[in-house]
Amino acid sequence: MISTTTDRKLWLSSKVAKAFSFDEYLYQIEQILSQPYPESVQKQNSYHTYIAMNYQRMNRWLKVLKPTSFTFSFSVQKSLVLLTLTESWCGDAAHILPILYFICKQNGLELKLLYRDEHPDLMDAYLTNGSRSIPKVIILDTELNELGSWGPRPADAQKLYNRLKSSTSDLNTIIHKLQLWYNRDKGVHTFLEVQEVLKSHSSTYF
C-alpha cells in the first residue's frame, strides 16, 4: 500500500525506469509479427490479427499526419513525461499513440510506454469507471509530480463507445464505428484534450 507522497514518487519512479519509447514499442510489435505464434507472449497469440492491423494503423498515421498540427498554443518550459499504459492489441491505442508521439515531438515532452497487463498495480490506480481501459496517459514532471491523467479515448469517442455498447454486443461493429470516428477526427480531439489537461498547470510549467 502506498501511504505517503514519497512512497508514491518512488513507485512511479520505478515504473518510469521500466518504460520504453514509442520506437521501441513499434520494434517489439515487429518482433511479435515476425513469428505468428511467439511462445514468449502466449496471451497475445489470440490477438495476432488485431496486432497486425494496429501496426498498420500506427504506421499509416505516422505517414499521413503532419507533426506541426500538434503544436501547443503555449511553450513547455520544463521536462514532462507522458507515461502511458497500452497493449499492442488495443485498437484505441493504435489510433492514439501516434498522436501522443507527435505531441511529445512537437512540444519537447517525452512519451514513455508500459504494457498494462505487466503493471496491474499502476493500471488499478488509474481506472476509468472501474475498468482497466487503455490507453491511459499519466502526465509527470521530472520530480514525479502528477499533473493529471487522460484516456482511454477522447470524450466524443467515449460517448460513441457508450452508445454502441448499450445497443449492440457485436464487438466488430463497435470496432468498425470507432475506427471510422478516428479516421474522421485525425487526432484533433486527442490533441486538444491533452493540451487542456496541461493548461491547468500553465502558471507552473509554461
N, C-alpha and C. Protein backbone atom coordinates (compact mmCIF):
# COMPACT_ATOMS: atom_id res chain seq x y z
N MET A 1 0.84 -1.20 0.00
CA MET A 1 0.00 0.00 0.00
C MET A 1 0.87 1.25 0.00
N ILE A 2 0.57 2.23 -0.85
CA ILE A 2 1.34 3.46 -0.94
C ILE A 2 0.74 4.46 0.04
N SER A 3 1.50 4.79 1.10
CA SER A 3 0.92 5.57 2.19
C SER A 3 1.36 7.02 2.21
N THR A 4 2.45 7.37 1.52
CA THR A 4 2.95 8.74 1.55
C THR A 4 3.27 9.22 0.14
N THR A 5 3.42 10.53 0.02
CA THR A 5 3.80 11.11 -1.27
C THR A 5 5.15 10.60 -1.71
N THR A 6 6.07 10.46 -0.76
CA THR A 6 7.41 9.94 -1.09
C THR A 6 7.33 8.52 -1.61
N ASP A 7 6.52 7.69 -0.96
CA ASP A 7 6.35 6.31 -1.43
C ASP A 7 5.76 6.28 -2.84
N ARG A 8 4.81 7.14 -3.09
CA ARG A 8 4.18 7.18 -4.41
C ARG A 8 5.18 7.59 -5.48
N LYS A 9 6.02 8.57 -5.16
CA LYS A 9 7.02 9.01 -6.13
C LYS A 9 8.05 7.91 -6.39
N LEU A 10 8.43 7.19 -5.36
CA LEU A 10 9.36 6.07 -5.55
C LEU A 10 8.73 5.00 -6.44
N TRP A 11 7.45 4.75 -6.21
CA TRP A 11 6.71 3.77 -7.02
C TRP A 11 6.64 4.21 -8.47
N LEU A 12 6.30 5.47 -8.69
CA LEU A 12 6.23 5.98 -10.05
C LEU A 12 7.60 6.00 -10.71
N SER A 13 8.63 6.30 -9.92
CA SER A 13 9.99 6.29 -10.45
C SER A 13 10.36 4.90 -10.96
N SER A 14 9.96 3.87 -10.23
CA SER A 14 10.25 2.50 -10.67
C SER A 14 9.52 2.16 -11.96
N LYS A 15 8.34 2.73 -12.15
CA LYS A 15 7.57 2.50 -13.38
C LYS A 15 8.21 3.21 -14.57
N VAL A 16 8.59 4.46 -14.36
CA VAL A 16 9.23 5.22 -15.43
C VAL A 16 10.52 4.55 -15.86
N ALA A 17 11.26 3.99 -14.90
CA ALA A 17 12.53 3.33 -15.21
C ALA A 17 12.33 2.10 -16.10
N LYS A 18 11.18 1.47 -15.99
CA LYS A 18 10.90 0.28 -16.78
C LYS A 18 10.24 0.59 -18.12
N ALA A 19 9.81 1.83 -18.30
CA ALA A 19 9.07 2.21 -19.50
C ALA A 19 10.00 2.31 -20.71
N PHE A 20 9.41 2.28 -21.90
CA PHE A 20 10.18 2.30 -23.14
C PHE A 20 9.58 3.30 -24.11
N SER A 21 10.34 3.60 -25.16
CA SER A 21 9.92 4.62 -26.12
C SER A 21 8.92 4.07 -27.13
N PHE A 22 8.32 4.97 -27.87
CA PHE A 22 7.39 4.58 -28.93
C PHE A 22 8.11 3.81 -30.03
N ASP A 23 9.32 4.22 -30.36
CA ASP A 23 10.10 3.49 -31.36
C ASP A 23 10.37 2.06 -30.91
N GLU A 24 10.68 1.89 -29.63
CA GLU A 24 10.90 0.55 -29.10
C GLU A 24 9.61 -0.26 -29.12
N TYR A 25 8.51 0.39 -28.86
CA TYR A 25 7.19 -0.26 -28.92
C TYR A 25 6.92 -0.81 -30.32
N LEU A 26 7.18 0.00 -31.34
CA LEU A 26 7.00 -0.45 -32.72
C LEU A 26 7.92 -1.63 -33.03
N TYR A 27 9.14 -1.56 -32.54
CA TYR A 27 10.09 -2.65 -32.77
C TYR A 27 9.61 -3.94 -32.11
N GLN A 28 9.11 -3.84 -30.90
CA GLN A 28 8.60 -5.03 -30.20
C GLN A 28 7.44 -5.65 -30.95
N ILE A 29 6.57 -4.81 -31.51
CA ILE A 29 5.45 -5.33 -32.30
C ILE A 29 5.96 -6.02 -33.56
N GLU A 30 6.95 -5.43 -34.19
CA GLU A 30 7.55 -6.06 -35.37
C GLU A 30 8.08 -7.45 -35.04
N GLN A 31 8.67 -7.58 -33.86
CA GLN A 31 9.20 -8.89 -33.43
C GLN A 31 8.07 -9.89 -33.23
N ILE A 32 6.97 -9.42 -32.66
CA ILE A 32 5.81 -10.30 -32.46
C ILE A 32 5.28 -10.78 -33.81
N LEU A 33 5.17 -9.84 -34.75
CA LEU A 33 4.59 -10.18 -36.05
C LEU A 33 5.52 -11.02 -36.91
N SER A 34 6.80 -11.03 -36.58
CA SER A 34 7.75 -11.80 -37.38
C SER A 34 7.62 -13.30 -37.14
N GLN A 35 6.96 -13.69 -36.05
CA GLN A 35 6.70 -15.09 -35.78
C GLN A 35 5.25 -15.23 -35.33
N PRO A 36 4.42 -15.93 -36.11
CA PRO A 36 2.97 -15.94 -35.89
C PRO A 36 2.54 -16.32 -34.49
N TYR A 37 3.24 -17.22 -33.85
CA TYR A 37 2.82 -17.66 -32.52
C TYR A 37 4.00 -17.68 -31.56
N PRO A 38 4.51 -16.50 -31.20
CA PRO A 38 5.67 -16.44 -30.32
C PRO A 38 5.38 -17.03 -28.95
N GLU A 39 6.21 -17.95 -28.52
CA GLU A 39 5.97 -18.65 -27.25
C GLU A 39 6.07 -17.71 -26.06
N SER A 40 6.82 -16.62 -26.18
CA SER A 40 7.06 -15.73 -25.04
C SER A 40 5.89 -14.79 -24.74
N VAL A 41 4.93 -14.72 -25.64
CA VAL A 41 3.78 -13.83 -25.43
C VAL A 41 2.49 -14.59 -25.72
N GLN A 42 2.23 -15.61 -24.95
CA GLN A 42 1.11 -16.50 -25.21
C GLN A 42 -0.22 -15.77 -25.26
N LYS A 43 -0.42 -14.82 -24.37
CA LYS A 43 -1.71 -14.13 -24.35
C LYS A 43 -1.95 -13.38 -25.65
N GLN A 44 -0.89 -12.84 -26.24
CA GLN A 44 -1.05 -12.04 -27.44
C GLN A 44 -1.31 -12.88 -28.67
N ASN A 45 -1.04 -14.19 -28.59
CA ASN A 45 -1.23 -15.03 -29.78
C ASN A 45 -2.65 -14.94 -30.32
N SER A 46 -3.64 -14.96 -29.43
CA SER A 46 -5.03 -14.94 -29.86
C SER A 46 -5.42 -13.59 -30.46
N TYR A 47 -4.58 -12.57 -30.23
CA TYR A 47 -4.86 -11.24 -30.74
C TYR A 47 -3.96 -10.87 -31.92
N HIS A 48 -3.35 -11.89 -32.52
CA HIS A 48 -2.35 -11.62 -33.55
C HIS A 48 -2.90 -10.78 -34.71
N THR A 49 -4.13 -11.06 -35.12
CA THR A 49 -4.73 -10.29 -36.21
C THR A 49 -4.91 -8.84 -35.83
N TYR A 50 -5.36 -8.59 -34.59
CA TYR A 50 -5.52 -7.21 -34.13
C TYR A 50 -4.17 -6.49 -34.06
N ILE A 51 -3.15 -7.20 -33.61
CA ILE A 51 -1.82 -6.59 -33.51
C ILE A 51 -1.33 -6.16 -34.89
N ALA A 52 -1.53 -7.02 -35.87
CA ALA A 52 -1.09 -6.71 -37.24
C ALA A 52 -1.84 -5.50 -37.79
N MET A 53 -3.15 -5.45 -37.58
CA MET A 53 -3.94 -4.31 -38.05
C MET A 53 -3.51 -3.02 -37.36
N ASN A 54 -3.28 -3.12 -36.06
CA ASN A 54 -2.89 -1.93 -35.31
C ASN A 54 -1.52 -1.40 -35.72
N TYR A 55 -0.62 -2.30 -36.04
CA TYR A 55 0.69 -1.89 -36.52
C TYR A 55 0.55 -1.10 -37.83
N GLN A 56 -0.31 -1.58 -38.71
CA GLN A 56 -0.55 -0.88 -39.97
C GLN A 56 -1.19 0.49 -39.72
N ARG A 57 -2.13 0.54 -38.79
CA ARG A 57 -2.80 1.81 -38.48
C ARG A 57 -1.80 2.83 -37.95
N MET A 58 -0.95 2.42 -37.03
CA MET A 58 0.02 3.35 -36.47
C MET A 58 0.95 3.90 -37.54
N ASN A 59 1.44 3.02 -38.38
CA ASN A 59 2.35 3.47 -39.43
C ASN A 59 1.65 4.38 -40.44
N ARG A 60 0.36 4.12 -40.68
CA ARG A 60 -0.39 4.98 -41.58
C ARG A 60 -0.51 6.38 -40.99
N TRP A 61 -0.85 6.48 -39.71
CA TRP A 61 -0.96 7.79 -39.08
C TRP A 61 0.39 8.51 -39.09
N LEU A 62 1.46 7.79 -38.87
CA LEU A 62 2.78 8.41 -38.87
C LEU A 62 3.13 9.00 -40.24
N LYS A 63 2.58 8.40 -41.28
CA LYS A 63 2.85 8.86 -42.64
C LYS A 63 1.94 10.01 -43.08
N VAL A 64 0.67 9.96 -42.70
CA VAL A 64 -0.28 10.91 -43.28
C VAL A 64 -0.49 12.17 -42.43
N LEU A 65 -0.22 12.11 -41.14
CA LEU A 65 -0.44 13.27 -40.29
C LEU A 65 0.76 14.22 -40.31
N LYS A 66 0.50 15.50 -40.13
CA LYS A 66 1.56 16.50 -40.06
C LYS A 66 1.90 16.77 -38.60
N PRO A 67 3.13 16.52 -38.19
CA PRO A 67 3.51 16.75 -36.78
C PRO A 67 3.21 18.16 -36.30
N THR A 68 3.35 19.15 -37.19
CA THR A 68 3.13 20.54 -36.78
C THR A 68 1.68 20.82 -36.40
N SER A 69 0.77 19.91 -36.77
CA SER A 69 -0.64 20.09 -36.38
C SER A 69 -0.85 19.89 -34.89
N PHE A 70 0.18 19.38 -34.20
CA PHE A 70 0.03 19.03 -32.79
C PHE A 70 0.94 19.87 -31.90
N THR A 71 1.13 21.13 -32.30
CA THR A 71 1.91 22.08 -31.52
C THR A 71 0.99 22.84 -30.57
N PHE A 72 1.34 22.86 -29.29
CA PHE A 72 0.52 23.55 -28.29
C PHE A 72 0.46 25.05 -28.57
N SER A 73 -0.54 25.67 -27.99
CA SER A 73 -0.69 27.13 -28.09
C SER A 73 0.20 27.85 -27.08
N PHE A 74 1.04 27.11 -26.36
CA PHE A 74 1.96 27.66 -25.37
C PHE A 74 3.26 26.86 -25.45
N SER A 75 4.31 27.36 -24.86
CA SER A 75 5.60 26.66 -24.85
C SER A 75 5.81 25.97 -23.51
N VAL A 76 6.23 24.72 -23.55
CA VAL A 76 6.51 23.96 -22.34
C VAL A 76 7.94 24.28 -21.89
N GLN A 77 8.08 24.78 -20.66
CA GLN A 77 9.38 25.24 -20.18
C GLN A 77 10.11 24.20 -19.34
N LYS A 78 9.42 23.13 -18.92
CA LYS A 78 10.04 22.09 -18.10
C LYS A 78 9.81 20.73 -18.74
N SER A 79 10.68 19.79 -18.40
CA SER A 79 10.56 18.44 -18.96
C SER A 79 9.37 17.72 -18.35
N LEU A 80 8.54 17.16 -19.20
CA LEU A 80 7.37 16.41 -18.76
C LEU A 80 7.36 15.05 -19.45
N VAL A 81 6.82 14.06 -18.77
CA VAL A 81 6.72 12.70 -19.30
C VAL A 81 5.26 12.30 -19.41
N LEU A 82 4.89 11.75 -20.56
CA LEU A 82 3.57 11.14 -20.74
C LEU A 82 3.75 9.64 -20.58
N LEU A 83 3.58 9.16 -19.35
CA LEU A 83 3.71 7.74 -19.05
C LEU A 83 2.38 7.07 -19.42
N THR A 84 2.42 6.17 -20.38
CA THR A 84 1.18 5.68 -21.00
C THR A 84 1.08 4.17 -20.96
N LEU A 85 -0.03 3.69 -20.43
CA LEU A 85 -0.33 2.26 -20.40
C LEU A 85 -1.00 1.87 -21.71
N THR A 86 -0.55 0.77 -22.30
CA THR A 86 -1.05 0.36 -23.60
C THR A 86 -0.95 -1.15 -23.74
N GLU A 87 -1.44 -1.67 -24.84
CA GLU A 87 -1.22 -3.06 -25.28
C GLU A 87 -1.28 -3.04 -26.80
N SER A 88 -0.49 -3.89 -27.44
CA SER A 88 -0.39 -3.87 -28.90
C SER A 88 -1.68 -4.32 -29.59
N TRP A 89 -2.57 -5.02 -28.89
CA TRP A 89 -3.82 -5.46 -29.49
C TRP A 89 -4.94 -4.42 -29.38
N CYS A 90 -4.68 -3.32 -28.68
CA CYS A 90 -5.71 -2.32 -28.39
C CYS A 90 -5.91 -1.39 -29.58
N GLY A 91 -7.12 -1.38 -30.14
CA GLY A 91 -7.41 -0.53 -31.29
C GLY A 91 -7.35 0.95 -30.98
N ASP A 92 -7.87 1.36 -29.83
CA ASP A 92 -7.80 2.77 -29.46
C ASP A 92 -6.35 3.23 -29.36
N ALA A 93 -5.51 2.41 -28.77
CA ALA A 93 -4.10 2.77 -28.63
C ALA A 93 -3.44 2.97 -29.98
N ALA A 94 -3.81 2.14 -30.95
CA ALA A 94 -3.22 2.26 -32.29
C ALA A 94 -3.51 3.61 -32.92
N HIS A 95 -4.66 4.18 -32.63
CA HIS A 95 -5.01 5.48 -33.17
C HIS A 95 -4.43 6.63 -32.35
N ILE A 96 -4.28 6.41 -31.05
CA ILE A 96 -3.91 7.50 -30.15
C ILE A 96 -2.40 7.64 -29.96
N LEU A 97 -1.67 6.52 -29.90
CA LEU A 97 -0.24 6.61 -29.62
C LEU A 97 0.53 7.45 -30.65
N PRO A 98 0.24 7.34 -31.96
CA PRO A 98 0.94 8.22 -32.89
C PRO A 98 0.68 9.70 -32.62
N ILE A 99 -0.53 10.03 -32.15
CA ILE A 99 -0.85 11.41 -31.81
C ILE A 99 -0.02 11.85 -30.60
N LEU A 100 0.06 10.99 -29.59
CA LEU A 100 0.88 11.30 -28.42
C LEU A 100 2.35 11.45 -28.81
N TYR A 101 2.79 10.62 -29.73
CA TYR A 101 4.17 10.69 -30.22
C TYR A 101 4.44 12.06 -30.86
N PHE A 102 3.51 12.51 -31.72
CA PHE A 102 3.69 13.81 -32.36
C PHE A 102 3.57 14.95 -31.35
N ILE A 103 2.65 14.83 -30.40
CA ILE A 103 2.52 15.84 -29.35
C ILE A 103 3.84 16.01 -28.62
N CYS A 104 4.44 14.91 -28.23
CA CYS A 104 5.70 14.96 -27.50
C CYS A 104 6.83 15.51 -28.36
N LYS A 105 6.89 15.06 -29.59
CA LYS A 105 7.94 15.51 -30.51
C LYS A 105 7.86 17.00 -30.77
N GLN A 106 6.66 17.53 -30.90
CA GLN A 106 6.48 18.94 -31.24
C GLN A 106 6.64 19.87 -30.04
N ASN A 107 6.45 19.36 -28.83
CA ASN A 107 6.39 20.24 -27.66
C ASN A 107 7.44 19.93 -26.60
N GLY A 108 8.42 19.11 -26.94
CA GLY A 108 9.52 18.85 -26.02
C GLY A 108 9.16 17.97 -24.84
N LEU A 109 8.16 17.11 -25.01
CA LEU A 109 7.79 16.17 -23.97
C LEU A 109 8.39 14.80 -24.28
N GLU A 110 8.27 13.89 -23.34
CA GLU A 110 8.79 12.53 -23.53
C GLU A 110 7.66 11.52 -23.39
N LEU A 111 7.49 10.67 -24.39
CA LEU A 111 6.49 9.61 -24.34
C LEU A 111 7.15 8.33 -23.88
N LYS A 112 6.64 7.78 -22.78
CA LYS A 112 7.16 6.52 -22.23
C LYS A 112 5.99 5.55 -22.09
N LEU A 113 6.19 4.31 -22.51
CA LEU A 113 5.12 3.33 -22.57
C LEU A 113 5.36 2.15 -21.64
N LEU A 114 4.26 1.59 -21.14
CA LEU A 114 4.27 0.36 -20.36
C LEU A 114 3.10 -0.50 -20.81
N TYR A 115 3.27 -1.82 -20.72
CA TYR A 115 2.17 -2.72 -21.03
C TYR A 115 1.26 -2.85 -19.82
N ARG A 116 -0.01 -2.64 -20.06
CA ARG A 116 -1.00 -2.69 -18.99
C ARG A 116 -0.94 -3.98 -18.18
N ASP A 117 -0.89 -5.11 -18.86
CA ASP A 117 -1.00 -6.38 -18.18
C ASP A 117 0.25 -6.74 -17.39
N GLU A 118 1.35 -6.04 -17.64
CA GLU A 118 2.57 -6.25 -16.88
C GLU A 118 2.64 -5.34 -15.66
N HIS A 119 1.72 -4.38 -15.57
CA HIS A 119 1.73 -3.40 -14.47
C HIS A 119 0.32 -3.18 -13.94
N PRO A 120 -0.33 -4.23 -13.43
CA PRO A 120 -1.71 -4.10 -12.97
C PRO A 120 -1.86 -3.12 -11.80
N ASP A 121 -0.81 -2.97 -10.98
CA ASP A 121 -0.90 -2.04 -9.86
C ASP A 121 -1.01 -0.60 -10.35
N LEU A 122 -0.26 -0.26 -11.39
CA LEU A 122 -0.37 1.08 -11.96
C LEU A 122 -1.71 1.27 -12.64
N MET A 123 -2.14 0.27 -13.40
CA MET A 123 -3.43 0.35 -14.08
C MET A 123 -4.56 0.54 -13.07
N ASP A 124 -4.52 -0.19 -11.98
CA ASP A 124 -5.60 -0.12 -11.00
C ASP A 124 -5.65 1.22 -10.28
N ALA A 125 -4.57 1.98 -10.37
CA ALA A 125 -4.57 3.32 -9.77
C ALA A 125 -5.17 4.35 -10.71
N TYR A 126 -5.44 3.95 -11.96
CA TYR A 126 -5.96 4.88 -12.95
C TYR A 126 -7.09 4.25 -13.75
N LEU A 127 -8.03 3.68 -13.04
CA LEU A 127 -9.18 3.04 -13.68
C LEU A 127 -10.12 4.09 -14.27
N THR A 128 -10.89 3.67 -15.27
CA THR A 128 -11.92 4.52 -15.86
C THR A 128 -13.27 3.88 -15.58
N ASN A 129 -14.02 4.47 -14.67
CA ASN A 129 -15.31 3.91 -14.25
C ASN A 129 -15.16 2.45 -13.82
N GLY A 130 -14.08 2.18 -13.10
CA GLY A 130 -13.83 0.84 -12.59
C GLY A 130 -13.24 -0.12 -13.59
N SER A 131 -12.95 0.36 -14.80
CA SER A 131 -12.46 -0.51 -15.87
C SER A 131 -10.99 -0.24 -16.16
N ARG A 132 -10.26 -1.28 -16.54
CA ARG A 132 -8.84 -1.15 -16.92
C ARG A 132 -8.72 -0.74 -18.39
N SER A 133 -9.31 0.38 -18.72
CA SER A 133 -9.35 0.85 -20.10
C SER A 133 -8.04 1.53 -20.50
N ILE A 134 -7.61 1.25 -21.71
CA ILE A 134 -6.37 1.83 -22.24
C ILE A 134 -6.62 2.37 -23.65
N PRO A 135 -5.73 3.28 -24.08
CA PRO A 135 -4.53 3.77 -23.40
C PRO A 135 -4.88 4.73 -22.26
N LYS A 136 -4.01 4.78 -21.28
CA LYS A 136 -4.17 5.70 -20.16
C LYS A 136 -2.87 6.47 -20.00
N VAL A 137 -2.98 7.79 -20.05
CA VAL A 137 -1.82 8.67 -20.00
C VAL A 137 -1.72 9.30 -18.62
N ILE A 138 -0.54 9.19 -18.00
CA ILE A 138 -0.25 9.83 -16.72
C ILE A 138 0.83 10.86 -16.98
N ILE A 139 0.53 12.12 -16.70
CA ILE A 139 1.46 13.21 -17.01
C ILE A 139 2.27 13.56 -15.77
N LEU A 140 3.61 13.47 -15.89
CA LEU A 140 4.51 13.66 -14.76
C LEU A 140 5.58 14.69 -15.10
N ASP A 141 6.04 15.42 -14.08
CA ASP A 141 7.22 16.26 -14.28
C ASP A 141 8.45 15.49 -13.80
N THR A 142 9.62 16.11 -13.87
CA THR A 142 10.86 15.40 -13.54
C THR A 142 10.96 15.06 -12.06
N GLU A 143 10.18 15.75 -11.22
CA GLU A 143 10.15 15.43 -9.79
C GLU A 143 9.05 14.41 -9.47
N LEU A 144 8.43 13.90 -10.52
CA LEU A 144 7.37 12.89 -10.43
C LEU A 144 6.11 13.43 -9.75
N ASN A 145 5.90 14.73 -9.88
CA ASN A 145 4.61 15.30 -9.52
C ASN A 145 3.63 14.98 -10.63
N GLU A 146 2.41 14.61 -10.28
CA GLU A 146 1.40 14.26 -11.27
C GLU A 146 0.59 15.49 -11.67
N LEU A 147 0.63 15.78 -12.97
CA LEU A 147 -0.12 16.93 -13.47
C LEU A 147 -1.54 16.55 -13.84
N GLY A 148 -1.78 15.27 -14.00
CA GLY A 148 -3.10 14.80 -14.38
C GLY A 148 -3.00 13.54 -15.21
N SER A 149 -4.15 13.04 -15.62
CA SER A 149 -4.18 11.84 -16.46
C SER A 149 -5.23 12.04 -17.55
N TRP A 150 -5.12 11.21 -18.58
CA TRP A 150 -6.05 11.30 -19.70
C TRP A 150 -6.24 9.91 -20.30
N GLY A 151 -7.43 9.69 -20.87
CA GLY A 151 -7.70 8.43 -21.56
C GLY A 151 -8.97 7.79 -21.00
N PRO A 152 -9.40 6.72 -21.65
CA PRO A 152 -8.72 5.96 -22.69
C PRO A 152 -8.95 6.46 -24.12
N ARG A 153 -9.88 7.38 -24.29
CA ARG A 153 -10.18 7.89 -25.63
C ARG A 153 -10.80 9.28 -25.50
N PRO A 154 -10.82 10.08 -26.57
CA PRO A 154 -11.44 11.40 -26.50
C PRO A 154 -12.91 11.32 -26.08
N ALA A 155 -13.40 12.38 -25.49
CA ALA A 155 -14.76 12.38 -24.91
C ALA A 155 -15.82 12.01 -25.94
N ASP A 156 -15.73 12.54 -27.15
CA ASP A 156 -16.73 12.23 -28.16
C ASP A 156 -16.67 10.77 -28.58
N ALA A 157 -15.46 10.23 -28.66
CA ALA A 157 -15.31 8.81 -28.98
C ALA A 157 -15.85 7.95 -27.84
N GLN A 158 -15.66 8.41 -26.61
CA GLN A 158 -16.18 7.67 -25.46
C GLN A 158 -17.71 7.66 -25.47
N LYS A 159 -18.31 8.78 -25.83
CA LYS A 159 -19.78 8.83 -25.92
C LYS A 159 -20.28 7.86 -26.99
N LEU A 160 -19.57 7.83 -28.12
CA LEU A 160 -19.94 6.89 -29.18
C LEU A 160 -19.80 5.45 -28.69
N TYR A 161 -18.71 5.17 -28.01
CA TYR A 161 -18.49 3.83 -27.48
C TYR A 161 -19.61 3.43 -26.51
N ASN A 162 -19.98 4.35 -25.63
CA ASN A 162 -21.03 4.06 -24.66
C ASN A 162 -22.36 3.77 -25.36
N ARG A 163 -22.68 4.55 -26.41
CA ARG A 163 -23.92 4.32 -27.15
C ARG A 163 -23.89 2.96 -27.84
N LEU A 164 -22.77 2.64 -28.44
CA LEU A 164 -22.65 1.36 -29.15
C LEU A 164 -22.76 0.18 -28.18
N LYS A 165 -22.12 0.30 -27.03
CA LYS A 165 -22.16 -0.77 -26.04
C LYS A 165 -23.57 -1.02 -25.53
N SER A 166 -24.37 0.04 -25.50
CA SER A 166 -25.74 -0.10 -24.99
C SER A 166 -26.69 -0.64 -26.05
N SER A 167 -26.26 -0.61 -27.32
CA SER A 167 -27.16 -1.00 -28.40
C SER A 167 -26.76 -2.30 -29.11
N THR A 168 -25.52 -2.75 -28.91
CA THR A 168 -25.07 -3.96 -29.60
C THR A 168 -24.01 -4.69 -28.79
N SER A 169 -23.98 -5.99 -28.94
CA SER A 169 -22.93 -6.79 -28.31
C SER A 169 -21.92 -7.27 -29.35
N ASP A 170 -22.09 -6.80 -30.58
CA ASP A 170 -21.21 -7.20 -31.67
C ASP A 170 -19.92 -6.37 -31.61
N LEU A 171 -18.84 -6.99 -31.17
CA LEU A 171 -17.56 -6.30 -30.99
C LEU A 171 -17.06 -5.72 -32.31
N ASN A 172 -17.24 -6.44 -33.40
CA ASN A 172 -16.75 -5.98 -34.69
C ASN A 172 -17.46 -4.69 -35.14
N THR A 173 -18.76 -4.58 -34.83
CA THR A 173 -19.49 -3.36 -35.15
C THR A 173 -18.94 -2.18 -34.36
N ILE A 174 -18.69 -2.41 -33.09
CA ILE A 174 -18.14 -1.35 -32.23
C ILE A 174 -16.77 -0.91 -32.74
N ILE A 175 -15.92 -1.87 -33.04
CA ILE A 175 -14.57 -1.56 -33.53
C ILE A 175 -14.64 -0.78 -34.83
N HIS A 176 -15.52 -1.20 -35.73
CA HIS A 176 -15.63 -0.56 -37.04
C HIS A 176 -16.08 0.89 -36.92
N LYS A 177 -17.09 1.15 -36.09
CA LYS A 177 -17.61 2.50 -35.97
C LYS A 177 -16.62 3.42 -35.25
N LEU A 178 -15.88 2.88 -34.28
CA LEU A 178 -14.84 3.68 -33.64
C LEU A 178 -13.71 3.98 -34.63
N GLN A 179 -13.39 2.99 -35.47
CA GLN A 179 -12.38 3.20 -36.50
C GLN A 179 -12.76 4.36 -37.41
N LEU A 180 -14.03 4.41 -37.82
CA LEU A 180 -14.49 5.49 -38.68
C LEU A 180 -14.40 6.84 -37.97
N TRP A 181 -14.71 6.85 -36.67
CA TRP A 181 -14.61 8.08 -35.90
C TRP A 181 -13.17 8.59 -35.87
N TYR A 182 -12.24 7.70 -35.57
CA TYR A 182 -10.83 8.09 -35.52
C TYR A 182 -10.34 8.56 -36.89
N ASN A 183 -10.79 7.90 -37.94
CA ASN A 183 -10.37 8.30 -39.28
C ASN A 183 -10.83 9.72 -39.62
N ARG A 184 -12.03 10.07 -39.19
CA ARG A 184 -12.55 11.42 -39.45
C ARG A 184 -11.85 12.46 -38.56
N ASP A 185 -11.57 12.09 -37.34
CA ASP A 185 -11.05 13.04 -36.36
C ASP A 185 -9.59 13.40 -36.61
N LYS A 186 -8.79 12.43 -37.07
CA LYS A 186 -7.37 12.66 -37.37
C LYS A 186 -6.57 13.20 -36.18
N GLY A 187 -6.95 12.75 -34.99
CA GLY A 187 -6.18 13.09 -33.79
C GLY A 187 -6.48 14.44 -33.17
N VAL A 188 -7.41 15.18 -33.74
CA VAL A 188 -7.68 16.54 -33.28
C VAL A 188 -8.13 16.56 -31.82
N HIS A 189 -9.10 15.73 -31.47
CA HIS A 189 -9.64 15.77 -30.11
C HIS A 189 -8.67 15.23 -29.07
N THR A 190 -7.87 14.24 -29.44
CA THR A 190 -6.83 13.77 -28.52
C THR A 190 -5.88 14.91 -28.20
N PHE A 191 -5.42 15.60 -29.23
CA PHE A 191 -4.51 16.74 -29.05
C PHE A 191 -5.13 17.82 -28.17
N LEU A 192 -6.36 18.23 -28.47
CA LEU A 192 -7.00 19.31 -27.73
C LEU A 192 -7.22 18.94 -26.27
N GLU A 193 -7.59 17.69 -26.02
CA GLU A 193 -7.87 17.28 -24.64
C GLU A 193 -6.60 17.15 -23.81
N VAL A 194 -5.53 16.62 -24.40
CA VAL A 194 -4.25 16.56 -23.68
C VAL A 194 -3.74 17.96 -23.41
N GLN A 195 -3.86 18.85 -24.40
CA GLN A 195 -3.45 20.24 -24.21
C GLN A 195 -4.24 20.87 -23.07
N GLU A 196 -5.52 20.57 -22.98
CA GLU A 196 -6.36 21.15 -21.94
C GLU A 196 -5.94 20.68 -20.55
N VAL A 197 -5.56 19.41 -20.43
CA VAL A 197 -5.07 18.90 -19.14
C VAL A 197 -3.86 19.71 -18.70
N LEU A 198 -2.96 19.99 -19.64
CA LEU A 198 -1.74 20.73 -19.31
C LEU A 198 -2.01 22.20 -19.01
N LYS A 199 -3.01 22.77 -19.62
CA LYS A 199 -3.30 24.19 -19.45
C LYS A 199 -3.56 24.56 -17.99
N SER A 200 -4.11 23.63 -17.24
CA SER A 200 -4.42 23.91 -15.83
C SER A 200 -3.16 24.13 -15.01
N HIS A 201 -2.00 23.77 -15.58
CA HIS A 201 -0.72 23.97 -14.87
C HIS A 201 0.13 25.02 -15.56
N SER A 202 -0.48 25.88 -16.35
CA SER A 202 0.27 26.82 -17.17
C SER A 202 1.13 27.78 -16.36
N SER A 203 0.67 28.15 -15.17
CA SER A 203 1.45 29.11 -14.37
C SER A 203 2.73 28.48 -13.82
N THR A 204 2.77 27.15 -13.74
CA THR A 204 3.93 26.46 -13.18
C THR A 204 4.91 26.02 -14.25
N TYR A 205 4.39 25.57 -15.39
CA TYR A 205 5.25 24.92 -16.36
C TYR A 205 5.40 25.66 -17.68
N PHE A 206 4.55 26.65 -17.96
CA PHE A 206 4.56 27.26 -19.27
C PHE A 206 4.71 28.79 -19.20
